[in-house]
């Protein structure tokens, strides 16, 4: 069973945040490998996996007390949602 993958352009900081905050909801080994690869810029997500990551980032965003992290997560969530809406 193969699902279409969405390629998302991420910085190393964005990749690190996704790994730190949402790794437990990422079920796809391809996505995990892409996120851990320091040289990879375009990260492959399944549509479902992308929704899961966005949801978990929103959870963290809504409970954030740090202004810098708040702004960073807001921008990252918006960035990911743009790719989700194009699928």
Protein backbone atom coordinates (compact mmCIF):
# COMPACT_ATOMS: atom_id res chain seq x y z
CA UNK A 1 0.00 0.00 0.00
CA UNK A 2 1.71 3.18 -1.12
CA UNK A 3 0.47 6.67 -0.44
CA UNK A 4 1.46 9.82 -2.24
CA UNK A 5 4.14 11.78 -0.45
CA UNK A 6 4.21 15.56 -0.02
CA UNK A 7 7.67 17.15 -0.14
CA UNK A 8 8.10 20.02 2.32
CA UNK A 9 11.03 22.46 2.25
CA UNK A 10 12.38 22.78 5.82
CA UNK A 11 15.35 24.42 7.48
CA UNK A 12 17.53 22.53 9.95
CA UNK A 13 15.86 24.41 12.83
CA UNK A 14 12.40 23.44 11.58
CA UNK A 15 13.47 19.82 11.17
CA UNK A 16 14.90 19.77 14.70
CA UNK A 17 11.70 21.24 16.16
CA UNK A 18 9.56 18.68 14.35
CA UNK A 19 11.75 15.85 15.60
CA UNK A 20 11.84 17.18 19.17
CA UNK A 21 8.14 17.95 19.48
CA UNK A 22 6.39 15.44 17.22
CA UNK A 23 8.62 12.42 16.59
CA UNK A 24 6.26 10.12 18.49
CA UNK A 25 3.39 10.82 16.05
CA UNK A 26 5.51 10.24 12.92
CA UNK A 27 4.87 6.65 11.85
CA UNK A 28 6.57 6.78 8.45
CA UNK A 29 10.21 5.65 8.45
CA UNK A 30 10.89 7.65 5.26
CA UNK A 31 9.87 10.88 7.00
CA UNK A 32 11.94 10.09 10.09
CA UNK A 33 14.99 9.30 7.96
CA UNK A 34 14.55 12.53 5.97
CA UNK A 35 14.25 14.59 9.16
CA UNK A 36 17.37 13.02 10.67
CA UNK A 37 19.43 13.54 7.50
CA UNK A 38 21.29 16.81 8.02
CA UNK A 39 21.85 17.29 4.29
CA UNK A 40 18.24 16.73 3.21
CA UNK A 41 16.19 19.89 2.65
CA UNK A 42 12.99 18.51 1.11
CA UNK A 43 11.26 16.26 3.64
CA UNK A 44 8.70 13.69 2.50
CA UNK A 45 5.46 13.35 4.48
CA UNK A 46 2.36 11.31 3.84
CA UNK A 47 -0.80 13.45 3.87
CA UNK A 48 -1.89 11.81 7.11
CA UNK A 49 1.57 12.19 8.64
CA UNK A 50 1.65 15.88 7.77
CA UNK A 51 -1.73 16.39 9.45
CA UNK A 52 -0.48 14.56 12.56
CA UNK A 53 2.64 16.74 12.76
CA UNK A 54 0.61 19.94 12.32
CA UNK A 55 -1.80 18.82 15.03
CA UNK A 56 0.96 18.09 17.52
CA UNK A 57 2.72 21.38 16.74
CA UNK A 58 -0.60 23.19 17.34
CA UNK A 59 -0.90 21.42 20.70
CA UNK A 60 2.56 22.70 21.68
CA UNK A 61 1.82 26.15 20.24
CA UNK A 62 -1.32 26.50 22.38
CA UNK A 63 0.62 25.66 25.53
CA UNK A 64 3.73 27.72 24.81
CA UNK A 65 5.01 30.29 27.34
CA UNK A 66 8.11 31.37 25.40
CA UNK A 67 7.55 34.27 22.98
CA UNK A 68 10.31 33.19 20.57
CA UNK A 69 9.05 29.61 20.44
CA UNK A 70 5.50 30.90 20.06
CA UNK A 71 6.44 32.93 16.95
CA UNK A 72 8.59 30.11 15.56
CA UNK A 73 5.81 27.54 15.92
CA UNK A 74 3.23 29.92 14.46
CA UNK A 75 5.37 30.40 11.36
CA UNK A 76 6.19 26.68 11.07
CA UNK A 77 2.55 25.63 11.38
CA UNK A 78 1.54 28.15 8.70
CA UNK A 79 4.34 26.90 6.44
CA UNK A 80 3.23 23.27 6.82
CA UNK A 81 -0.43 24.14 6.31
CA UNK A 82 0.43 25.73 2.94
CA UNK A 83 1.81 22.38 1.76
CA UNK A 84 -1.20 20.54 3.19
CA UNK A 85 -3.64 22.76 1.33
CA UNK A 86 -1.80 22.11 -1.96
CA UNK A 87 -2.38 18.34 -1.79
